[in-house]
Amino acid sequence: MTAGGSPAGRIVVFLPAYNEEATVGRVIARIPRPAWPGWETLVLVVDDGSSDRTAEVARRAGADVVVRHERNRGLGYAVRHAMRLAYELGADLAVMIDADDEYPPEEIPNLLAPLVRGEADYVLGSRFRGRIRGMRLHRRLGNYAFSLLQSLLLGRWISDGQTGMRAFTRDVLRDCEIIHDYNYAQVMTLNILRQGYRLAEVPISYKVREAGQSFIRFREYVTRVLPAMWRELRRPVPRRAVPPARAPASGRAET
């Protein structure tokens, strides 16, 4: 808190979710509040057209804002929408965490630390610098391969380009462009770093999901993500936007 008792800033923790009724409540319940001492914290869930009770469970677990798509639009679309909503909610900083309970909400402050200290604009929670439980060999090798490709394209080492736990400054929320709906991971980092924003990685813990099922299929991932990466690299380097006035915060809602 500031000397007058008002929050030092606002953090929005957002969860893109699709058919995650078995886990989304557990994740929300474990999100630190506040996520950083003295900062106001809001939890936002974007339900991407789930056919189960994901939105209902999220509301009951304490999400401040729940937005539901009428149909499944894709993870890239859901993340893009969540980032826009976080910005409109007045986020000074934001954290994305998957709703599948593979990533540790308790470690959210570790991702925020480089942002609060002014050392970075964009933070990746790296599973491969931390502790991994249960990841199969073919998934590990696939992650290594895509992270290596991303590192070569950017000319800097990234240890975990596919992580589902990331943090952003307000400027990055405003300026990031995700150019396809299927996924976000590679094109997001390419877009952000091509704009000159500073990256940091912090170690996180990871365990493979115990409920639900991932939508990722290797063949589909390769045929959709690689062309999107190529399109992102062929675009002119994005120019940072002029920041509009900060939008007022809204409370608990569903659309």
C-alpha atoms as a PDB file:
ATOM      1  CA  MET A   1       0.000   0.000   0.000  1.00  0.00           C
ATOM      2  CA  THR A   2       1.007   3.628  -0.450  1.00  0.00           C
ATOM      3  CA  ALA A   3       1.291   5.970   2.483  1.00  0.00           C
ATOM      4  CA  GLY A   4      -2.373   6.923   2.043  1.00  0.00           C
ATOM      5  CA  GLY A   5      -3.528   3.314   2.168  1.00  0.00           C
ATOM      6  CA  SER A   6      -4.322   2.995  -1.535  1.00  0.00           C
ATOM      7  CA  PRO A   7      -2.903   0.054  -3.568  1.00  0.00           C
ATOM      8  CA  ALA A   8       0.482   0.542  -5.206  1.00  0.00           C
ATOM      9  CA  GLY A   9      -1.013  -0.750  -8.448  1.00  0.00           C
ATOM     10  CA  ARG A  10      -3.296  -3.355  -9.942  1.00  0.00           C
ATOM     11  CA  ILE A  11      -2.377  -6.884 -10.987  1.00  0.00           C
ATOM     12  CA  VAL A  12      -4.729  -8.962 -13.127  1.00  0.00           C
ATOM     13  CA  VAL A  13      -4.175 -12.716 -13.093  1.00  0.00           C
ATOM     14  CA  PHE A  14      -5.924 -14.202 -16.098  1.00  0.00           C
ATOM     15  CA  LEU A  15      -6.734 -17.805 -16.967  1.00  0.00           C
ATOM     16  CA  PRO A  16      -7.753 -18.905 -20.479  1.00  0.00           C
ATOM     17  CA  ALA A  17      -9.859 -22.036 -19.968  1.00  0.00           C
ATOM     18  CA  TYR A  18     -11.586 -24.678 -22.068  1.00  0.00           C
ATOM     19  CA  ASN A  19     -13.412 -27.576 -20.391  1.00  0.00           C
ATOM     20  CA  GLU A  20     -11.432 -27.243 -17.156  1.00  0.00           C
ATOM     21  CA  GLU A  21     -14.196 -27.595 -14.551  1.00  0.00           C
ATOM     22  CA  ALA A  22     -12.150 -30.237 -12.696  1.00  0.00           C
ATOM     23  CA  THR A  23      -9.162 -27.947 -12.118  1.00  0.00           C
ATOM     24  CA  VAL A  24      -9.989 -24.251 -12.603  1.00  0.00           C
ATOM     25  CA  GLY A  25     -11.375 -23.880  -9.080  1.00  0.00           C
ATOM     26  CA  ARG A  26      -8.233 -25.339  -7.506  1.00  0.00           C
ATOM     27  CA  VAL A  27      -6.034 -22.971  -9.485  1.00  0.00           C
ATOM     28  CA  ILE A  28      -8.083 -19.896  -8.550  1.00  0.00           C
ATOM     29  CA  ALA A  29      -8.143 -20.872  -4.870  1.00  0.00           C
ATOM     30  CA  ARG A  30      -4.331 -20.994  -4.783  1.00  0.00           C
ATOM     31  CA  ILE A  31      -3.677 -17.626  -6.467  1.00  0.00           C
ATOM     32  CA  PRO A  32      -2.020 -15.331  -3.899  1.00  0.00           C
ATOM     33  CA  ARG A  33      -4.099 -12.308  -2.969  1.00  0.00           C
ATOM     34  CA  PRO A  34      -2.415  -9.957  -3.125  1.00  0.00           C
ATOM     35  CA  ALA A  35      -0.157 -11.367  -5.816  1.00  0.00           C
ATOM     36  CA  TRP A  36       2.421  -8.800  -4.699  1.00  0.00           C
ATOM     37  CA  PRO A  37       2.419  -7.062  -1.315  1.00  0.00           C
ATOM     38  CA  GLY A  38       0.459  -3.819  -1.394  1.00  0.00           C
ATOM     39  CA  TRP A  39      -0.997  -4.373  -4.876  1.00  0.00           C
ATOM     40  CA  GLU A  40      -4.646  -4.932  -5.673  1.00  0.00           C
ATOM     41  CA  THR A  41      -5.229  -8.296  -7.388  1.00  0.00           C
ATOM     42  CA  LEU A  42      -8.093  -9.286  -9.690  1.00  0.00           C
ATOM     43  CA  VAL A  43      -8.665 -12.741 -11.187  1.00  0.00           C
ATOM     44  CA  LEU A  44     -10.062 -12.960 -14.718  1.00  0.00           C
ATOM     45  CA  VAL A  45     -11.216 -16.168 -16.423  1.00  0.00           C
ATOM     46  CA  VAL A  46     -11.899 -16.355 -20.160  1.00  0.00           C
ATOM     47  CA  ASP A  47     -13.932 -19.495 -20.832  1.00  0.00           C
ATOM     48  CA  ASP A  48     -13.421 -20.316 -24.505  1.00  0.00           C
ATOM     49  CA  GLY A  49     -16.769 -21.954 -25.234  1.00  0.00           C
ATOM     50  CA  SER A  50     -16.547 -24.826 -22.749  1.00  0.00           C
ATOM     51  CA  SER A  51     -19.217 -27.522 -22.856  1.00  0.00           C
ATOM     52  CA  ASP A  52     -18.824 -28.184 -19.114  1.00  0.00           C
ATOM     53  CA  ARG A  53     -19.232 -26.059 -15.960  1.00  0.00           C
ATOM     54  CA  THR A  54     -15.912 -24.197 -16.236  1.00  0.00           C
ATOM     55  CA  ALA A  55     -17.478 -20.721 -15.984  1.00  0.00           C
ATOM     56  CA  GLU A  56     -19.714 -21.666 -13.047  1.00  0.00           C
ATOM     57  CA  VAL A  57     -16.869 -23.285 -11.118  1.00  0.00           C
ATOM     58  CA  ALA A  58     -14.644 -20.252 -11.752  1.00  0.00           C
ATOM     59  CA  ARG A  59     -17.268 -17.869 -10.366  1.00  0.00           C
ATOM     60  CA  ARG A  60     -17.822 -19.996  -7.274  1.00  0.00           C
ATOM     61  CA  ALA A  61     -14.075 -20.245  -6.683  1.00  0.00           C
ATOM     62  CA  GLY A  62     -13.812 -16.454  -6.468  1.00  0.00           C
ATOM     63  CA  ALA A  63     -12.914 -15.176  -9.940  1.00  0.00           C
ATOM     64  CA  ASP A  64     -13.627 -11.438 -10.073  1.00  0.00           C
ATOM     65  CA  VAL A  65     -14.489 -11.442 -13.766  1.00  0.00           C
ATOM     66  CA  VAL A  66     -15.669 -14.405 -15.857  1.00  0.00           C
ATOM     67  CA  VAL A  67     -16.137 -13.961 -19.595  1.00  0.00           C
ATOM     68  CA  ARG A  68     -17.538 -16.803 -21.673  1.00  0.00           C
ATOM     69  CA  HIS A  69     -17.293 -17.229 -25.435  1.00  0.00           C
ATOM     70  CA  GLU A  70     -20.387 -18.703 -27.027  1.00  0.00           C
ATOM     71  CA  ARG A  71     -18.220 -21.095 -29.057  1.00  0.00           C
ATOM     72  CA  ASN A  72     -14.662 -22.343 -28.928  1.00  0.00           C
ATOM     73  CA  ARG A  73     -12.439 -19.884 -30.764  1.00  0.00           C
ATOM     74  CA  GLY A  74      -8.968 -21.277 -30.017  1.00  0.00           C
ATOM     75  CA  LEU A  75      -6.330 -20.662 -27.372  1.00  0.00           C
ATOM     76  CA  GLY A  76      -4.658 -17.846 -29.292  1.00  0.00           C
ATOM     77  CA  TYR A  77      -7.982 -16.007 -29.524  1.00  0.00           C
ATOM     78  CA  ALA A  78      -8.726 -16.586 -25.820  1.00  0.00           C
ATOM     79  CA  VAL A  79      -5.316 -15.263 -24.724  1.00  0.00           C
ATOM     80  CA  ARG A  80      -5.596 -12.251 -27.032  1.00  0.00           C
ATOM     81  CA  HIS A  81      -9.040 -11.479 -25.601  1.00  0.00           C
ATOM     82  CA  ALA A  82      -7.825 -11.960 -22.017  1.00  0.00           C
ATOM     83  CA  MET A  83      -4.906  -9.568 -22.529  1.00  0.00           C
ATOM     84  CA  ARG A  84      -7.237  -6.911 -23.922  1.00  0.00           C
ATOM     85  CA  LEU A  85      -9.643  -7.362 -21.008  1.00  0.00           C
ATOM     86  CA  ALA A  86      -6.802  -7.183 -18.471  1.00  0.00           C
ATOM     87  CA  TYR A  87      -5.712  -3.892 -20.019  1.00  0.00           C
ATOM     88  CA  GLU A  88      -9.275  -2.562 -19.917  1.00  0.00           C
ATOM     89  CA  LEU A  89      -9.531  -3.606 -16.260  1.00  0.00           C
ATOM     90  CA  GLY A  90      -6.649  -1.244 -15.561  1.00  0.00           C
ATOM     91  CA  ALA A  91      -3.869  -3.779 -15.039  1.00  0.00           C
ATOM     92  CA  ASP A  92      -0.465  -2.260 -14.345  1.00  0.00           C
ATOM     93  CA  LEU A  93       0.945  -5.799 -14.410  1.00  0.00           C
ATOM     94  CA  ALA A  94      -0.652  -9.074 -15.495  1.00  0.00           C
ATOM     95  CA  VAL A  95       0.041 -12.767 -15.129  1.00  0.00           C
ATOM     96  CA  MET A  96      -1.282 -15.539 -17.342  1.00  0.00           C
ATOM     97  CA  ILE A  97      -1.577 -19.026 -15.910  1.00  0.00           C
ATOM     98  CA  ASP A  98      -3.162 -22.102 -17.470  1.00  0.00           C
ATOM     99  CA  ALA A  99      -6.341 -23.392 -15.827  1.00  0.00           C
ATOM    100  CA  ASP A 100      -5.275 -27.067 -15.972  1.00  0.00           C
ATOM    101  CA  ASP A 101      -3.390 -27.103 -12.639  1.00  0.00           C
ATOM    102  CA  GLU A 102      -0.054 -27.956 -14.250  1.00  0.00           C
ATOM    103  CA  TYR A 103       1.519 -24.661 -13.161  1.00  0.00           C
ATOM    104  CA  PRO A 104       1.951 -23.401  -9.559  1.00  0.00           C
ATOM    105  CA  PRO A 105      -0.127 -20.315  -8.665  1.00  0.00           C
ATOM    106  CA  GLU A 106       1.913 -19.989  -5.472  1.00  0.00           C
ATOM    107  CA  GLU A 107       4.912 -19.008  -7.627  1.00  0.00           C
ATOM    108  CA  ILE A 108       3.170 -16.046  -9.293  1.00  0.00           C
ATOM    109  CA  PRO A 109       5.192 -13.558  -7.141  1.00  0.00           C
ATOM    110  CA  ASN A 110       8.398 -15.004  -8.616  1.00  0.00           C
ATOM    111  CA  LEU A 111       7.222 -14.009 -12.107  1.00  0.00           C
ATOM    112  CA  LEU A 112       6.191 -10.558 -10.950  1.00  0.00           C
ATOM    113  CA  ALA A 113       9.492  -9.764  -9.224  1.00  0.00           C
ATOM    114  CA  PRO A 114      11.479  -8.748 -12.373  1.00  0.00           C
ATOM    115  CA  LEU A 115       8.572  -6.512 -13.462  1.00  0.00           C
ATOM    116  CA  VAL A 116       8.127  -4.833 -10.092  1.00  0.00           C
ATOM    117  CA  ARG A 117      11.886  -4.221  -9.897  1.00  0.00           C
ATOM    118  CA  GLY A 118      11.879  -2.703 -13.394  1.00  0.00           C
ATOM    119  CA  GLU A 119      14.280  -5.328 -14.754  1.00  0.00           C
ATOM    120  CA  ALA A 120      12.006  -6.728 -17.504  1.00  0.00           C
ATOM    121  CA  ASP A 121       8.781  -6.107 -19.383  1.00  0.00           C
ATOM    122  CA  TYR A 122       7.881  -9.731 -20.139  1.00  0.00           C
ATOM    123  CA  VAL A 123       8.614 -12.797 -18.014  1.00  0.00           C
ATOM    124  CA  LEU A 124       8.478 -16.490 -18.867  1.00  0.00           C
ATOM    125  CA  GLY A 125       8.102 -19.100 -16.151  1.00  0.00           C
ATOM    126  CA  SER A 126      10.609 -21.725 -17.253  1.00  0.00           C
ATOM    127  CA  ARG A 127       9.813 -25.356 -16.465  1.00  0.00           C
ATOM    128  CA  PHE A 128      13.227 -26.435 -17.698  1.00  0.00           C
ATOM    129  CA  ARG A 129      15.029 -24.193 -15.213  1.00  0.00           C
ATOM    130  CA  GLY A 130      12.837 -25.505 -12.408  1.00  0.00           C
ATOM    131  CA  ARG A 131      11.417 -28.889 -11.465  1.00  0.00           C
ATOM    132  CA  ILE A 132       9.350 -31.054 -13.836  1.00  0.00           C
ATOM    133  CA  ARG A 133       7.199 -34.011 -12.827  1.00  0.00           C
ATOM    134  CA  GLY A 134       5.600 -36.421 -15.257  1.00  0.00           C
ATOM    135  CA  MET A 135       6.400 -34.896 -18.676  1.00  0.00           C
ATOM    136  CA  ARG A 136       6.797 -37.630 -21.268  1.00  0.00           C
ATOM    137  CA  LEU A 137       9.943 -37.782 -23.352  1.00  0.00           C
ATOM    138  CA  HIS A 138       8.276 -36.898 -26.669  1.00  0.00           C
ATOM    139  CA  ARG A 139       6.661 -33.789 -25.091  1.00  0.00           C
ATOM    140  CA  ARG A 140       9.979 -32.762 -23.578  1.00  0.00           C
ATOM    141  CA  LEU A 141      11.781 -33.174 -26.914  1.00  0.00           C
ATOM    142  CA  GLY A 142       9.060 -31.226 -28.719  1.00  0.00           C
ATOM    143  CA  ASN A 143       9.384 -28.376 -26.241  1.00  0.00           C
ATOM    144  CA  TYR A 144      13.161 -28.385 -26.633  1.00  0.00           C
ATOM    145  CA  ALA A 145      12.863 -28.280 -30.437  1.00  0.00           C
ATOM    146  CA  PHE A 146      10.410 -25.378 -30.575  1.00  0.00           C
ATOM    147  CA  SER A 147      12.324 -23.423 -27.930  1.00  0.00           C
ATOM    148  CA  LEU A 148      15.553 -23.917 -29.869  1.00  0.00           C
ATOM    149  CA  LEU A 149      13.901 -22.730 -33.092  1.00  0.00           C
ATOM    150  CA  GLN A 150      12.540 -19.664 -31.333  1.00  0.00           C
ATOM    151  CA  SER A 151      15.963 -18.947 -29.849  1.00  0.00           C
ATOM    152  CA  LEU A 152      17.637 -19.146 -33.261  1.00  0.00           C
ATOM    153  CA  LEU A 153      15.063 -16.810 -34.804  1.00  0.00           C
ATOM    154  CA  LEU A 154      15.462 -14.246 -32.025  1.00  0.00           C
ATOM    155  CA  GLY A 155      19.219 -14.584 -31.605  1.00  0.00           C
ATOM    156  CA  ARG A 156      18.955 -15.171 -27.847  1.00  0.00           C
ATOM    157  CA  TRP A 157      18.495 -18.221 -25.673  1.00  0.00           C
ATOM    158  CA  ILE A 158      14.985 -19.054 -24.446  1.00  0.00           C
ATOM    159  CA  SER A 159      14.755 -22.155 -22.302  1.00  0.00           C
ATOM    160  CA  ASP A 160      10.965 -22.640 -22.380  1.00  0.00           C
ATOM    161  CA  GLY A 161       9.105 -21.034 -25.260  1.00  0.00           C
ATOM    162  CA  GLN A 162       5.871 -22.980 -24.688  1.00  0.00           C
ATOM    163  CA  THR A 163       5.305 -22.279 -20.996  1.00  0.00           C
ATOM    164  CA  GLY A 164       1.748 -21.638 -19.815  1.00  0.00           C
ATOM    165  CA  MET A 165       2.825 -19.163 -17.142  1.00  0.00           C
ATOM    166  CA  ARG A 166       3.860 -15.637 -18.209  1.00  0.00           C
ATOM    167  CA  ALA A 167       3.815 -12.078 -16.868  1.00  0.00           C
ATOM    168  CA  PHE A 168       3.477  -8.718 -18.612  1.00  0.00           C
ATOM    169  CA  THR A 169       3.732  -4.991 -18.008  1.00  0.00           C
ATOM    170  CA  ARG A 170       0.835  -2.780 -19.024  1.00  0.00           C
ATOM    171  CA  ASP A 171       2.700  -1.615 -22.130  1.00  0.00           C
ATOM    172  CA  VAL A 172       3.170  -5.209 -23.310  1.00  0.00           C
ATOM    173  CA  LEU A 173      -0.536  -5.947 -22.745  1.00  0.00           C
ATOM    174  CA  ARG A 174      -1.317  -2.981 -24.959  1.00  0.00           C
ATOM    175  CA  ASP A 175       1.145  -3.686 -27.752  1.00  0.00           C
ATOM    176  CA  CYS A 176       1.275  -7.481 -28.063  1.00  0.00           C
ATOM    177  CA  GLU A 177      -0.308  -8.903 -31.215  1.00  0.00           C
ATOM    178  CA  ILE A 178      -1.183 -12.597 -31.557  1.00  0.00           C
ATOM    179  CA  ILE A 179      -1.792 -13.261 -35.233  1.00  0.00           C
ATOM    180  CA  HIS A 180      -3.504 -16.648 -35.136  1.00  0.00           C
ATOM    181  CA  ASP A 181      -6.237 -18.269 -33.054  1.00  0.00           C
ATOM    182  CA  TYR A 182      -4.951 -21.838 -32.627  1.00  0.00           C
ATOM    183  CA  ASN A 183      -2.106 -21.055 -30.223  1.00  0.00           C
ATOM    184  CA  TYR A 184      -0.140 -18.091 -28.942  1.00  0.00           C
ATOM    185  CA  ALA A 185       3.178 -19.183 -27.429  1.00  0.00           C
ATOM    186  CA  GLN A 186       5.738 -18.714 -30.208  1.00  0.00           C
ATOM    187  CA  VAL A 187       4.154 -15.792 -32.055  1.00  0.00           C
ATOM    188  CA  MET A 188       3.575 -13.922 -28.781  1.00  0.00           C
ATOM    189  CA  THR A 189       7.240 -13.985 -27.789  1.00  0.00           C
ATOM    190  CA  LEU A 190       8.435 -13.189 -31.313  1.00  0.00           C
ATOM    191  CA  ASN A 191       6.059 -10.225 -31.470  1.00  0.00           C
ATOM    192  CA  ILE A 192       6.946  -8.844 -28.028  1.00  0.00           C
ATOM    193  CA  LEU A 193      10.716  -9.130 -28.395  1.00  0.00           C
ATOM    194  CA  ARG A 194      10.715  -7.752 -31.946  1.00  0.00           C
ATOM    195  CA  GLN A 195       9.222  -4.590 -30.435  1.00  0.00           C
ATOM    196  CA  GLY A 196      12.259  -4.249 -28.181  1.00  0.00           C
ATOM    197  CA  TYR A 197      10.700  -5.267 -24.885  1.00  0.00           C
ATOM    198  CA  ARG A 198      12.975  -6.853 -22.290  1.00  0.00           C
ATOM    199  CA  LEU A 199      12.616 -10.557 -21.454  1.00  0.00           C
ATOM    200  CA  ALA A 200      13.386 -12.415 -18.240  1.00  0.00           C
ATOM    201  CA  GLU A 201      12.950 -16.093 -17.350  1.00  0.00           C
ATOM    202  CA  VAL A 202      12.420 -17.428 -13.845  1.00  0.00           C
ATOM    203  CA  PRO A 203      12.390 -21.092 -12.738  1.00  0.00           C
ATOM    204  CA  ILE A 204       8.993 -22.599 -11.932  1.00  0.00           C
ATOM    205  CA  SER A 205       7.700 -25.993 -10.863  1.00  0.00           C
ATOM    206  CA  TYR A 206       5.570 -28.086 -13.215  1.00  0.00           C
ATOM    207  CA  LYS A 207       3.548 -31.270 -13.051  1.00  0.00           C
ATOM    208  CA  VAL A 208       1.577 -32.919 -15.846  1.00  0.00           C
ATOM    209  CA  ARG A 209      -2.191 -32.506 -15.616  1.00  0.00           C
ATOM    210  CA  GLU A 210      -4.124 -35.073 -13.618  1.00  0.00           C
ATOM    211  CA  ALA A 211      -7.565 -34.231 -15.069  1.00  0.00           C
ATOM    212  CA  GLY A 212      -8.883 -33.203 -18.478  1.00  0.00           C
ATOM    213  CA  GLN A 213      -7.036 -33.464 -21.766  1.00  0.00           C
ATOM    214  CA  SER A 214      -4.733 -31.185 -23.730  1.00  0.00           C
ATOM    215  CA  PHE A 215      -5.928 -30.049 -27.145  1.00  0.00           C
ATOM    216  CA  ILE A 216      -2.361 -30.011 -28.515  1.00  0.00           C
ATOM    217  CA  ARG A 217      -1.571 -32.588 -31.205  1.00  0.00           C
ATOM    218  CA  PHE A 218       1.965 -32.597 -32.613  1.00  0.00           C
ATOM    219  CA  ARG A 219       1.034 -32.786 -36.307  1.00  0.00           C
ATOM    220  CA  GLU A 220      -1.558 -30.016 -35.996  1.00  0.00           C
ATOM    221  CA  TYR A 221       0.779 -27.925 -33.877  1.00  0.00           C
ATOM    222  CA  VAL A 222       3.539 -28.109 -36.486  1.00  0.00           C
ATOM    223  CA  THR A 223       1.263 -27.370 -39.446  1.00  0.00           C
ATOM    224  CA  ARG A 224      -0.363 -24.381 -37.742  1.00  0.00           C
ATOM    225  CA  VAL A 225       2.322 -22.854 -35.563  1.00  0.00           C
ATOM    226  CA  LEU A 226       5.296 -22.929 -37.937  1.00  0.00           C
ATOM    227  CA  PRO A 227       3.442 -20.991 -40.685  1.00  0.00           C
ATOM    228  CA  ALA A 228       2.270 -18.464 -38.088  1.00  0.00           C
ATOM    229  CA  MET A 229       5.854 -17.943 -36.907  1.00  0.00           C
ATOM    230  CA  TRP A 230       6.930 -17.380 -40.520  1.00  0.00           C
ATOM    231  CA  ARG A 231       4.131 -14.834 -41.039  1.00  0.00           C
ATOM    232  CA  GLU A 232       5.118 -12.987 -37.862  1.00  0.00           C
ATOM    233  CA  LEU A 233       8.746 -12.762 -38.981  1.00  0.00           C
ATOM    234  CA  ARG A 234       7.752 -11.461 -42.424  1.00  0.00           C
ATOM    235  CA  ARG A 235       5.667  -8.650 -40.965  1.00  0.00           C
ATOM    236  CA  PRO A 236       7.255  -5.233 -40.443  1.00  0.00           C
ATOM    237  CA  VAL A 237       8.585  -4.816 -36.933  1.00  0.00           C
ATOM    238  CA  PRO A 238       5.516  -3.768 -34.925  1.00  0.00           C
ATOM    239  CA  ARG A 239       5.455  -0.163 -33.744  1.00  0.00           C
ATOM    240  CA  ARG A 240       4.487   0.450 -30.165  1.00  0.00           C
ATOM    241  CA  ALA A 241       1.086   2.045 -29.774  1.00  0.00           C
ATOM    242  CA  VAL A 242       0.392   5.381 -28.128  1.00  0.00           C
ATOM    243  CA  PRO A 243      -1.196   4.483 -24.787  1.00  0.00           C
ATOM    244  CA  PRO A 244      -4.859   5.492 -24.455  1.00  0.00           C
ATOM    245  CA  ALA A 245      -6.277   6.719 -21.178  1.00  0.00           C
ATOM    246  CA  ARG A 246      -6.410   4.067 -18.472  1.00  0.00           C
ATOM    247  CA  ALA A 247      -9.811   2.392 -18.410  1.00  0.00           C
ATOM    248  CA  PRO A 248     -11.703   2.181 -15.122  1.00  0.00           C
ATOM    249  CA  ALA A 249     -11.851  -1.143 -13.352  1.00  0.00           C
ATOM    250  CA  SER A 250     -15.030  -3.183 -13.407  1.00  0.00           C
ATOM    251  CA  GLY A 251     -16.230  -5.721 -10.893  1.00  0.00           C
ATOM    252  CA  ARG A 252     -17.562  -9.263 -11.031  1.00  0.00           C
ATOM    253  CA  ALA A 253     -19.193  -9.907 -14.393  1.00  0.00           C
ATOM    254  CA  GLU A 254     -19.985 -12.472 -17.040  1.00  0.00           C
ATOM    255  CA  THR A 255     -20.654 -11.972 -20.737  1.00  0.00           C
END
